[in-house]
Amino acid sequence: MSTKLHIKKGDTVFVNTGEDKGKTGRVLEVRPKEQRAIVEGIRMISKHTKPSAKSPQGGIIKKEGAIHISNLQVVDPAKGGPTRIGRRLNSKGKLVRYAKKSGEEIK
């Protein structure tokens, strides 16, 4: 069972709550089953890695952790602030996402 999410890969999102409240970033990955997303520069975690062919040095690597999608809002392309998302049919009969604040279509 996969639910329809209001966030897609490549969207610019605003963080509502948590440690990174008020920050914005680009969505790098969406995990629909877990209802989580990975956002660029948000929820940075330290991962301890053993030396390998990929990272011969090993050590501690800083990387983005997953954040629940309920804590994210898409940034309005027209006004710039966080907005809710709606879906409607465009002139070509295709279902598109739009910003509820400005009515602008989200690409």
PDB file of N, CA and C in Angstrom:
ATOM      1  N   MET A   1       0.839  -1.184   0.000  1.00  0.00           N
ATOM      2  CA  MET A   1       0.000   0.000   0.000  1.00  0.00           C
ATOM      3  C   MET A   1       0.883   1.247   0.000  1.00  0.00           C
ATOM      4  N   SER A   2       0.803   2.010  -1.068  1.00  0.00           N
ATOM      5  CA  SER A   2       1.587   3.235  -1.165  1.00  0.00           C
ATOM      6  C   SER A   2       0.645   4.428  -1.190  1.00  0.00           C
ATOM      7  N   THR A   3       0.858   5.370  -0.273  1.00  0.00           N
ATOM      8  CA  THR A   3       0.005   6.548  -0.234  1.00  0.00           C
ATOM      9  C   THR A   3       0.605   7.663  -1.075  1.00  0.00           C
ATOM     10  N   LYS A   4      -0.244   8.568  -1.534  1.00  0.00           N
ATOM     11  CA  LYS A   4       0.198   9.708  -2.332  1.00  0.00           C
ATOM     12  C   LYS A   4       0.775  10.751  -1.370  1.00  0.00           C
ATOM     13  N   LEU A   5       2.007  11.173  -1.653  1.00  0.00           N
ATOM     14  CA  LEU A   5       2.654  12.152  -0.793  1.00  0.00           C
ATOM     15  C   LEU A   5       2.607  13.540  -1.426  1.00  0.00           C
ATOM     16  N   HIS A   6       2.686  14.579  -0.596  1.00  0.00           N
ATOM     17  CA  HIS A   6       2.667  15.950  -1.098  1.00  0.00           C
ATOM     18  C   HIS A   6       4.061  16.446  -1.465  1.00  0.00           C
ATOM     19  N   ILE A   7       5.069  15.607  -1.225  1.00  0.00           N
ATOM     20  CA  ILE A   7       6.457  15.985  -1.480  1.00  0.00           C
ATOM     21  C   ILE A   7       7.061  15.045  -2.513  1.00  0.00           C
ATOM     22  N   LYS A   8       7.828  15.623  -3.440  1.00  0.00           N
ATOM     23  CA  LYS A   8       8.525  14.829  -4.450  1.00  0.00           C
ATOM     24  C   LYS A   8      10.008  15.153  -4.420  1.00  0.00           C
ATOM     25  N   LYS A   9      10.806  14.276  -4.997  1.00  0.00           N
ATOM     26  CA  LYS A   9      12.246  14.495  -5.117  1.00  0.00           C
ATOM     27  C   LYS A   9      12.487  15.770  -5.930  1.00  0.00           C
ATOM     28  N   GLY A  10      13.372  16.619  -5.451  1.00  0.00           N
ATOM     29  CA  GLY A  10      13.691  17.858  -6.155  1.00  0.00           C
ATOM     30  C   GLY A  10      12.930  19.079  -5.647  1.00  0.00           C
ATOM     31  N   ASP A  11      11.877  18.874  -4.834  1.00  0.00           N
ATOM     32  CA  ASP A  11      11.118  19.995  -4.268  1.00  0.00           C
ATOM     33  C   ASP A  11      11.973  20.757  -3.262  1.00  0.00           C
ATOM     34  N   THR A  12      11.716  22.046  -3.127  1.00  0.00           N
ATOM     35  CA  THR A  12      12.315  22.837  -2.053  1.00  0.00           C
ATOM     36  C   THR A  12      11.309  22.831  -0.926  1.00  0.00           C
ATOM     37  N   VAL A  13      11.750  22.406   0.270  1.00  0.00           N
ATOM     38  CA  VAL A  13      10.833  22.278   1.400  1.00  0.00           C
ATOM     39  C   VAL A  13      11.292  23.098   2.600  1.00  0.00           C
ATOM     40  N   PHE A  14      10.329  23.415   3.466  1.00  0.00           N
ATOM     41  CA  PHE A  14      10.533  24.172   4.693  1.00  0.00           C
ATOM     42  C   PHE A  14      10.325  23.213   5.857  1.00  0.00           C
ATOM     43  N   VAL A  15      11.192  23.250   6.875  1.00  0.00           N
ATOM     44  CA  VAL A  15      11.085  22.355   8.032  1.00  0.00           C
ATOM     45  C   VAL A  15      10.256  23.046   9.112  1.00  0.00           C
ATOM     46  N   ASN A  16       9.125  22.413   9.517  1.00  0.00           N
ATOM     47  CA  ASN A  16       8.195  22.971  10.505  1.00  0.00           C
ATOM     48  C   ASN A  16       8.664  22.813  11.939  1.00  0.00           C
ATOM     49  N   THR A  17       9.176  21.632  12.273  1.00  0.00           N
ATOM     50  CA  THR A  17       9.507  21.337  13.667  1.00  0.00           C
ATOM     51  C   THR A  17      10.846  20.630  13.773  1.00  0.00           C
ATOM     52  N   GLY A  18      11.299  20.503  15.001  1.00  0.00           N
ATOM     53  CA  GLY A  18      12.527  19.762  15.264  1.00  0.00           C
ATOM     54  C   GLY A  18      13.745  20.658  15.360  1.00  0.00           C
ATOM     55  N   GLU A  19      14.884  20.025  15.369  1.00  0.00           N
ATOM     56  CA  GLU A  19      16.172  20.693  15.540  1.00  0.00           C
ATOM     57  C   GLU A  19      16.438  21.717  14.437  1.00  0.00           C
ATOM     58  N   ASP A  20      16.001  21.415  13.212  1.00  0.00           N
ATOM     59  CA  ASP A  20      16.270  22.271  12.054  1.00  0.00           C
ATOM     60  C   ASP A  20      15.080  23.145  11.676  1.00  0.00           C
ATOM     61  N   LYS A  21      14.215  23.459  12.656  1.00  0.00           N
ATOM     62  CA  LYS A  21      13.012  24.261  12.411  1.00  0.00           C
ATOM     63  C   LYS A  21      13.369  25.589  11.747  1.00  0.00           C
ATOM     64  N   GLY A  22      12.619  25.930  10.685  1.00  0.00           N
ATOM     65  CA  GLY A  22      12.820  27.194   9.996  1.00  0.00           C
ATOM     66  C   GLY A  22      13.764  27.120   8.809  1.00  0.00           C
ATOM     67  N   LYS A  23      14.489  26.007   8.665  1.00  0.00           N
ATOM     68  CA  LYS A  23      15.433  25.868   7.553  1.00  0.00           C
ATOM     69  C   LYS A  23      14.718  25.359   6.306  1.00  0.00           C
ATOM     70  N   THR A  24      15.325  25.623   5.147  1.00  0.00           N
ATOM     71  CA  THR A  24      14.802  25.095   3.897  1.00  0.00           C
ATOM     72  C   THR A  24      15.889  24.293   3.195  1.00  0.00           C
ATOM     73  N   GLY A  25      15.471  23.363   2.367  1.00  0.00           N
ATOM     74  CA  GLY A  25      16.421  22.538   1.626  1.00  0.00           C
ATOM     75  C   GLY A  25      15.737  21.800   0.500  1.00  0.00           C
ATOM     76  N   ARG A  26      16.542  21.185  -0.375  1.00  0.00           N
ATOM     77  CA  ARG A  26      16.024  20.428  -1.512  1.00  0.00           C
ATOM     78  C   ARG A  26      15.877  18.962  -1.130  1.00  0.00           C
ATOM     79  N   VAL A  27      14.789  18.332  -1.551  1.00  0.00           N
ATOM     80  CA  VAL A  27      14.546  16.914  -1.258  1.00  0.00           C
ATOM     81  C   VAL A  27      15.447  16.069  -2.156  1.00  0.00           C
ATOM     82  N   LEU A  28      16.266  15.212  -1.535  1.00  0.00           N
ATOM     83  CA  LEU A  28      17.178  14.341  -2.274  1.00  0.00           C
ATOM     84  C   LEU A  28      16.558  12.977  -2.534  1.00  0.00           C
ATOM     85  N   GLU A  29      15.729  12.528  -1.583  1.00  0.00           N
ATOM     86  CA  GLU A  29      15.136  11.182  -1.687  1.00  0.00           C
ATOM     87  C   GLU A  29      13.835  11.148  -0.894  1.00  0.00           C
ATOM     88  N   VAL A  30      12.846  10.412  -1.396  1.00  0.00           N
ATOM     89  CA  VAL A  30      11.581  10.225  -0.689  1.00  0.00           C
ATOM     90  C   VAL A  30      11.375   8.737  -0.463  1.00  0.00           C
ATOM     91  N   ARG A  31      11.001   8.369   0.761  1.00  0.00           N
ATOM     92  CA  ARG A  31      10.731   6.967   1.110  1.00  0.00           C
ATOM     93  C   ARG A  31       9.262   6.829   1.503  1.00  0.00           C
ATOM     94  N   PRO A  32       8.378   6.537   0.529  1.00  0.00           N
ATOM     95  CA  PRO A  32       6.937   6.493   0.795  1.00  0.00           C
ATOM     96  C   PRO A  32       6.514   5.463   1.840  1.00  0.00           C
ATOM     97  N   LYS A  33       7.157   4.301   1.859  1.00  0.00           N
ATOM     98  CA  LYS A  33       6.779   3.264   2.829  1.00  0.00           C
ATOM     99  C   LYS A  33       7.024   3.708   4.261  1.00  0.00           C
ATOM    100  N   GLU A  34       8.101   4.440   4.467  1.00  0.00           N
ATOM    101  CA  GLU A  34       8.460   4.919   5.810  1.00  0.00           C
ATOM    102  C   GLU A  34       7.860   6.293   6.100  1.00  0.00           C
ATOM    103  N   GLN A  35       7.249   6.939   5.089  1.00  0.00           N
ATOM    104  CA  GLN A  35       6.718   8.302   5.194  1.00  0.00           C
ATOM    105  C   GLN A  35       7.821   9.286   5.594  1.00  0.00           C
ATOM    106  N   ARG A  36       9.009   9.100   5.032  1.00  0.00           N
ATOM    107  CA  ARG A  36      10.155   9.948   5.364  1.00  0.00           C
ATOM    108  C   ARG A  36      10.831  10.471   4.105  1.00  0.00           C
ATOM    109  N   ALA A  37      11.585  11.553   4.260  1.00  0.00           N
ATOM    110  CA  ALA A  37      12.326  12.143   3.154  1.00  0.00           C
ATOM    111  C   ALA A  37      13.716  12.534   3.631  1.00  0.00           C
ATOM    112  N   ILE A  38      14.672  12.558   2.713  1.00  0.00           N
ATOM    113  CA  ILE A  38      16.016  13.028   3.023  1.00  0.00           C
ATOM    114  C   ILE A  38      16.166  14.380   2.341  1.00  0.00           C
ATOM    115  N   VAL A  39      16.468  15.408   3.158  1.00  0.00           N
ATOM    116  CA  VAL A  39      16.559  16.783   2.671  1.00  0.00           C
ATOM    117  C   VAL A  39      17.995  17.272   2.809  1.00  0.00           C
ATOM    118  N   GLU A  40      18.476  17.941   1.767  1.00  0.00           N
ATOM    119  CA  GLU A  40      19.844  18.441   1.707  1.00  0.00           C
ATOM    120  C   GLU A  40      20.143  19.390   2.879  1.00  0.00           C
ATOM    121  N   GLY A  41      21.145  19.041   3.685  1.00  0.00           N
ATOM    122  CA  GLY A  41      21.588  19.893   4.792  1.00  0.00           C
ATOM    123  C   GLY A  41      20.727  19.844   6.040  1.00  0.00           C
ATOM    124  N   ILE A  42      19.707  18.996   6.070  1.00  0.00           N
ATOM    125  CA  ILE A  42      18.793  18.903   7.216  1.00  0.00           C
ATOM    126  C   ILE A  42      19.012  17.580   7.948  1.00  0.00           C
ATOM    127  N   ARG A  43      18.964  17.639   9.284  1.00  0.00           N
ATOM    128  CA  ARG A  43      19.126  16.479  10.166  1.00  0.00           C
ATOM    129  C   ARG A  43      20.441  15.734   9.884  1.00  0.00           C
ATOM    130  N   MET A  44      21.541  16.467   9.992  1.00  0.00           N
ATOM    131  CA  MET A  44      22.865  15.887   9.753  1.00  0.00           C
ATOM    132  C   MET A  44      23.215  14.916  10.885  1.00  0.00           C
ATOM    133  N   ILE A  45      23.648  13.714  10.503  1.00  0.00           N
ATOM    134  CA  ILE A  45      24.028  12.692  11.478  1.00  0.00           C
ATOM    135  C   ILE A  45      25.481  12.291  11.245  1.00  0.00           C
ATOM    136  N   SER A  46      26.114  11.760  12.296  1.00  0.00           N
ATOM    137  CA  SER A  46      27.490  11.278  12.188  1.00  0.00           C
ATOM    138  C   SER A  46      27.455   9.776  12.049  1.00  0.00           C
ATOM    139  N   LYS A  47      28.024   9.267  10.970  1.00  0.00           N
ATOM    140  CA  LYS A  47      28.042   7.827  10.729  1.00  0.00           C
ATOM    141  C   LYS A  47      29.484   7.344  10.822  1.00  0.00           C
ATOM    142  N   HIS A  48      29.706   6.352  11.661  1.00  0.00           N
ATOM    143  CA  HIS A  48      31.039   5.788  11.833  1.00  0.00           C
ATOM    144  C   HIS A  48      31.241   4.703  10.777  1.00  0.00           C
ATOM    145  N   THR A  49      32.323   4.818   9.998  1.00  0.00           N
ATOM    146  CA  THR A  49      32.561   3.855   8.921  1.00  0.00           C
ATOM    147  C   THR A  49      33.927   3.205   9.047  1.00  0.00           C
ATOM    148  N   LYS A  50      33.961   1.935   8.698  1.00  0.00           N
ATOM    149  CA  LYS A  50      35.217   1.185   8.664  1.00  0.00           C
ATOM    150  C   LYS A  50      35.943   1.537   7.363  1.00  0.00           C
ATOM    151  N   PRO A  51      37.260   1.431   7.343  1.00  0.00           N
ATOM    152  CA  PRO A  51      37.965   1.649   6.077  1.00  0.00           C
ATOM    153  C   PRO A  51      37.510   0.619   5.032  1.00  0.00           C
ATOM    154  N   SER A  52      37.262   1.095   3.806  1.00  0.00           N
ATOM    155  CA  SER A  52      36.839   0.216   2.718  1.00  0.00           C
ATOM    156  C   SER A  52      37.418   0.763   1.416  1.00  0.00           C
ATOM    157  N   ALA A  53      37.106   0.114   0.310  1.00  0.00           N
ATOM    158  CA  ALA A  53      37.585   0.572  -0.995  1.00  0.00           C
ATOM    159  C   ALA A  53      36.998   1.951  -1.322  1.00  0.00           C
ATOM    160  N   LYS A  54      35.754   2.157  -0.925  1.00  0.00           N
ATOM    161  CA  LYS A  54      35.074   3.426  -1.183  1.00  0.00           C
ATOM    162  C   LYS A  54      35.673   4.565  -0.348  1.00  0.00           C
ATOM    163  N   SER A  55      35.860   4.295   0.969  1.00  0.00           N
ATOM    164  CA  SER A  55      36.493   5.288   1.845  1.00  0.00           C
ATOM    165  C   SER A  55      37.681   4.627   2.549  1.00  0.00           C
ATOM    166  N   PRO A  56      38.876   4.688   1.936  1.00  0.00           N
ATOM    167  CA  PRO A  56      40.043   4.002   2.490  1.00  0.00           C
ATOM    168  C   PRO A  56      40.457   4.506   3.874  1.00  0.00           C
ATOM    169  N   GLN A  57      40.102   5.754   4.182  1.00  0.00           N
ATOM    170  CA  GLN A  57      40.460   6.322   5.477  1.00  0.00           C
ATOM    171  C   GLN A  57      39.531   5.841   6.587  1.00  0.00           C
ATOM    172  N   GLY A  58      38.243   5.681   6.272  1.00  0.00           N
ATOM    173  CA  GLY A  58      37.264   5.321   7.301  1.00  0.00           C
ATOM    174  C   GLY A  58      36.965   6.533   8.158  1.00  0.00           C
ATOM    175  N   GLY A  59      36.532   6.327   9.390  1.00  0.00           N
ATOM    176  CA  GLY A  59      36.289   7.434  10.313  1.00  0.00           C
ATOM    177  C   GLY A  59      34.831   7.842  10.385  1.00  0.00           C
ATOM    178  N   ILE A  60      34.608   9.099  10.762  1.00  0.00           N
ATOM    179  CA  ILE A  60      33.252   9.610  10.965  1.00  0.00           C
ATOM    180  C   ILE A  60      32.841  10.449   9.755  1.00  0.00           C
ATOM    181  N   ILE A  61      31.689  10.104   9.183  1.00  0.00           N
ATOM    182  CA  ILE A  61      31.167  10.807   8.011  1.00  0.00           C
ATOM    183  C   ILE A  61      29.871  11.509   8.408  1.00  0.00           C
ATOM    184  N   LYS A  62      29.755  12.775   8.029  1.00  0.00           N
ATOM    185  CA  LYS A  62      28.517  13.530   8.268  1.00  0.00           C
ATOM    186  C   LYS A  62      27.614  13.350   7.054  1.00  0.00           C
ATOM    187  N   LYS A  63      26.349  12.951   7.294  1.00  0.00           N
ATOM    188  CA  LYS A  63      25.399  12.807   6.193  1.00  0.00           C
ATOM    189  C   LYS A  63      23.995  13.131   6.666  1.00  0.00           C
ATOM    190  N   GLU A  64      23.091  13.327   5.698  1.00  0.00           N
ATOM    191  CA  GLU A  64      21.708  13.674   6.014  1.00  0.00           C
ATOM    192  C   GLU A  64      20.946  12.461   6.520  1.00  0.00           C
ATOM    193  N   GLY A  65      20.130  12.669   7.539  1.00  0.00           N
ATOM    194  CA  GLY A  65      19.252  11.623   8.050  1.00  0.00           C
ATOM    195  C   GLY A  65      17.842  11.852   7.527  1.00  0.00           C
ATOM    196  N   ALA A  66      16.998  10.840   7.633  1.00  0.00           N
ATOM    197  CA  ALA A  66      15.615  10.946   7.151  1.00  0.00           C
ATOM    198  C   ALA A  66      14.772  11.747   8.145  1.00  0.00           C
ATOM    199  N   ILE A  67      13.837  12.524   7.609  1.00  0.00           N
ATOM    200  CA  ILE A  67      12.922  13.317   8.426  1.00  0.00           C
ATOM    201  C   ILE A  67      11.500  12.978   8.001  1.00  0.00           C
ATOM    202  N   HIS A  68      10.574  12.928   8.957  1.00  0.00           N
ATOM    203  CA  HIS A  68       9.192  12.563   8.652  1.00  0.00           C
ATOM    204  C   HIS A  68       8.550  13.642   7.789  1.00  0.00           C
ATOM    205  N   ILE A  69       7.768  13.219   6.782  1.00  0.00           N
ATOM    206  CA  ILE A  69       7.210  14.187   5.832  1.00  0.00           C
ATOM    207  C   ILE A  69       6.169  15.108   6.458  1.00  0.00           C
ATOM    208  N   SER A  70       5.599  14.731   7.602  1.00  0.00           N
ATOM    209  CA  SER A  70       4.640  15.615   8.266  1.00  0.00           C
ATOM    210  C   SER A  70       5.329  16.853   8.819  1.00  0.00           C
ATOM    211  N   ASN A  71       6.652  16.815   8.945  1.00  0.00           N
ATOM    212  CA  ASN A  71       7.420  17.962   9.448  1.00  0.00           C
ATOM    213  C   ASN A  71       7.911  18.864   8.320  1.00  0.00           C
ATOM    214  N   LEU A  72       7.502  18.572   7.091  1.00  0.00           N
ATOM    215  CA  LEU A  72       7.958  19.338   5.931  1.00  0.00           C
ATOM    216  C   LEU A  72       6.785  19.977   5.198  1.00  0.00           C
ATOM    217  N   GLN A  73       7.027  21.177   4.632  1.00  0.00           N
ATOM    218  CA  GLN A  73       6.041  21.837   3.783  1.00  0.00           C
ATOM    219  C   GLN A  73       6.752  22.334   2.541  1.00  0.00           C
ATOM    220  N   VAL A  74       6.098  22.214   1.398  1.00  0.00           N
ATOM    221  CA  VAL A  74       6.678  22.670   0.140  1.00  0.00           C
ATOM    222  C   VAL A  74       6.718  24.202   0.150  1.00  0.00           C
ATOM    223  N   VAL A  75       7.801  24.770  -0.387  1.00  0.00           N
ATOM    224  CA  VAL A  75       7.943  26.228  -0.469  1.00  0.00           C
ATOM    225  C   VAL A  75       7.207  26.724  -1.716  1.00  0.00           C
ATOM    226  N   ASP A  76       6.386  27.765  -1.525  1.00  0.00           N
ATOM    227  CA  ASP A  76       5.596  28.363  -2.609  1.00  0.00           C
ATOM    228  C   ASP A  76       6.523  28.970  -3.662  1.00  0.00           C
ATOM    229  N   PRO A  77       6.390  28.570  -4.949  1.00  0.00           N
ATOM    230  CA  PRO A  77       7.281  29.117  -5.979  1.00  0.00           C
ATOM    231  C   PRO A  77       7.065  30.618  -6.228  1.00  0.00           C
ATOM    232  N   ALA A  78       5.876  31.146  -5.943  1.00  0.00           N
ATOM    233  CA  ALA A  78       5.589  32.558  -6.200  1.00  0.00           C
ATOM    234  C   ALA A  78       5.928  33.445  -4.995  1.00  0.00           C
ATOM    235  N   LYS A  79       5.443  33.073  -3.812  1.00  0.00           N
ATOM    236  CA  LYS A  79       5.605  33.913  -2.617  1.00  0.00           C
ATOM    237  C   LYS A  79       6.834  33.569  -1.788  1.00  0.00           C
ATOM    238  N   GLY A  80       7.351  32.357  -1.926  1.00  0.00           N
ATOM    239  CA  GLY A  80       8.583  31.990  -1.230  1.00  0.00           C
ATOM    240  C   GLY A  80       8.425  31.351   0.135  1.00  0.00           C
ATOM    241  N   GLY A  81       7.267  31.437   0.767  1.00  0.00           N
ATOM    242  CA  GLY A  81       7.067  30.852   2.084  1.00  0.00           C
ATOM    243  C   GLY A  81       6.505  29.442   1.995  1.00  0.00           C
ATOM    244  N   PRO A  82       6.349  28.781   3.140  1.00  0.00           N
ATOM    245  CA  PRO A  82       5.762  27.437   3.125  1.00  0.00           C
ATOM    246  C   PRO A  82       4.274  27.499   2.765  1.00  0.00           C
ATOM    247  N   THR A  83       3.810  26.476   2.061  1.00  0.00           N
ATOM    248  CA  THR A  83       2.410  26.440   1.633  1.00  0.00           C
ATOM    249  C   THR A  83       1.889  25.011   1.660  1.00  0.00           C
ATOM    250  N   ARG A  84       0.554  24.891   1.715  1.00  0.00           N
ATOM    251  CA  ARG A  84      -0.062  23.576   1.589  1.00  0.00           C
ATOM    252  C   ARG A  84      -0.192  23.272   0.101  1.00  0.00           C
ATOM    253  N   ILE A  85      -0.399  21.998  -0.200  1.00  0.00           N
ATOM    254  CA  ILE A  85      -0.446  21.541  -1.586  1.00  0.00           C
ATOM    255  C   ILE A  85      -1.843  21.034  -1.923  1.00  0.00           C
ATOM    256  N   GLY A  86      -2.294  21.374  -3.115  1.00  0.00           N
ATOM    257  CA  GLY A  86      -3.552  20.846  -3.621  1.00  0.00           C
ATOM    258  C   GLY A  86      -3.300  20.175  -4.956  1.00  0.00           C
ATOM    259  N   ARG A  87      -4.273  19.419  -5.446  1.00  0.00           N
ATOM    260  CA  ARG A  87      -4.160  18.798  -6.769  1.00  0.00           C
ATOM    261  C   ARG A  87      -5.372  19.197  -7.594  1.00  0.00           C
ATOM    262  N   ARG A  88      -5.127  19.543  -8.852  1.00  0.00           N
ATOM    263  CA  ARG A  88      -6.232  19.896  -9.755  1.00  0.00           C
ATOM    264  C   ARG A  88      -5.849  19.533 -11.190  1.00  0.00           C
ATOM    265  N   LEU A  89      -6.846  19.459 -12.045  1.00  0.00           N
ATOM    266  CA  LEU A  89      -6.615  19.169 -13.458  1.00  0.00           C
ATOM    267  C   LEU A  89      -6.216  20.458 -14.165  1.00  0.00           C
ATOM    268  N   ASN A  90      -5.154  20.384 -14.970  1.00  0.00           N
ATOM    269  CA  ASN A  90      -4.763  21.567 -15.745  1.00  0.00           C
ATOM    270  C   ASN A  90      -5.506  21.572 -17.077  1.00  0.00           C
ATOM    271  N   SER A  91      -5.194  22.523 -17.955  1.00  0.00           N
ATOM    272  CA  SER A  91      -5.906  22.670 -19.228  1.00  0.00           C
ATOM    273  C   SER A  91      -5.772  21.447 -20.139  1.00  0.00           C
ATOM    274  N   LYS A  92      -4.693  20.681 -19.973  1.00  0.00           N
ATOM    275  CA  LYS A  92      -4.465  19.484 -20.792  1.00  0.00           C
ATOM    276  C   LYS A  92      -5.112  18.234 -20.186  1.00  0.00           C
ATOM    277  N   GLY A  93      -5.801  18.403 -19.046  1.00  0.00           N
ATOM    278  CA  GLY A  93      -6.464  17.278 -18.399  1.00  0.00           C
ATOM    279  C   GLY A  93      -5.531  16.426 -17.547  1.00  0.00           C
ATOM    280  N   LYS A  94      -4.372  16.982 -17.206  1.00  0.00           N
ATOM    281  CA  LYS A  94      -3.398  16.255 -16.389  1.00  0.00           C
ATOM    282  C   LYS A  94      -3.500  16.752 -14.950  1.00  0.00           C
ATOM    283  N   LEU A  95      -3.396  15.841 -13.977  1.00  0.00           N
ATOM    284  CA  LEU A  95      -3.458  16.200 -12.564  1.00  0.00           C
ATOM    285  C   LEU A  95      -2.124  16.810 -12.150  1.00  0.00           C
ATOM    286  N   VAL A  96      -2.151  18.048 -11.662  1.00  0.00           N
ATOM    287  CA  VAL A  96      -0.933  18.749 -11.248  1.00  0.00           C
ATOM    288  C   VAL A  96      -1.057  19.235  -9.807  1.00  0.00           C
ATOM    289  N   ARG A  97       0.092  19.424  -9.160  1.00  0.00           N
ATOM    290  CA  ARG A  97       0.114  19.969  -7.802  1.00  0.00           C
ATOM    291  C   ARG A  97       0.159  21.494  -7.896  1.00  0.00           C
ATOM    292  N   TYR A  98      -0.527  22.164  -6.954  1.00  0.00           N
ATOM    293  CA  TYR A  98      -0.468  23.625  -6.930  1.00  0.00           C
ATOM    294  C   TYR A  98      -0.358  24.111  -5.485  1.00  0.00           C
ATOM    295  N   ALA A  99       0.221  25.314  -5.328  1.00  0.00           N
ATOM    296  CA  ALA A  99       0.378  25.925  -4.011  1.00  0.00           C
ATOM    297  C   ALA A  99      -0.944  26.566  -3.613  1.00  0.00           C
ATOM    298  N   LYS A 100      -1.460  26.234  -2.439  1.00  0.00           N
ATOM    299  CA  LYS A 100      -2.747  26.771  -1.999  1.00  0.00           C
ATOM    300  C   LYS A 100      -2.649  28.259  -1.670  1.00  0.00           C
ATOM    301  N   LYS A 101      -1.453  28.736  -1.289  1.00  0.00           N
ATOM    302  CA  LYS A 101      -1.263  30.136  -0.919  1.00  0.00           C
ATOM    303  C   LYS A 101      -1.412  31.058  -2.122  1.00  0.00           C
ATOM    304  N   SER A 102      -0.747  30.716  -3.235  1.00  0.00           N
ATOM    305  CA  SER A 102      -0.735  31.613  -4.399  1.00  0.00           C
ATOM    306  C   SER A 102      -1.514  31.060  -5.594  1.00  0.00           C
ATOM    307  N   GLY A 103      -1.845  29.777  -5.579  1.00  0.00           N
ATOM    308  CA  GLY A 103      -2.534  29.160  -6.702  1.00  0.00           C
ATOM    309  C   GLY A 103      -1.585  28.771  -7.825  1.00  0.00           C
ATOM    310  N   GLU A 104      -0.293  29.000  -7.626  1.00  0.00           N
ATOM    311  CA  GLU A 104       0.736  28.721  -8.619  1.00  0.00           C
ATOM    312  C   GLU A 104       0.954  27.204  -8.743  1.00  0.00           C
ATOM    313  N   GLU A 105       1.141  26.756  -9.985  1.00  0.00           N
ATOM    314  CA  GLU A 105       1.414  25.339 -10.245  1.00  0.00           C
ATOM    315  C   GLU A 105       2.851  24.990  -9.811  1.00  0.00           C
ATOM    316  N   ILE A 106       3.016  23.824  -9.201  1.00  0.00           N
ATOM    317  CA  ILE A 106       4.334  23.385  -8.756  1.00  0.00           C
ATOM    318  C   ILE A 106       4.882  22.391  -9.762  1.00  0.00           C
ATOM    319  N   LYS A 107       6.048  22.701 -10.293  1.00  0.00           N
ATOM    320  CA  LYS A 107       6.665  21.850 -11.315  1.00  0.00           C
ATOM    321  C   LYS A 107       7.323  20.665 -10.647  1.00  0.00           C
TER     322      LYS A 107
END
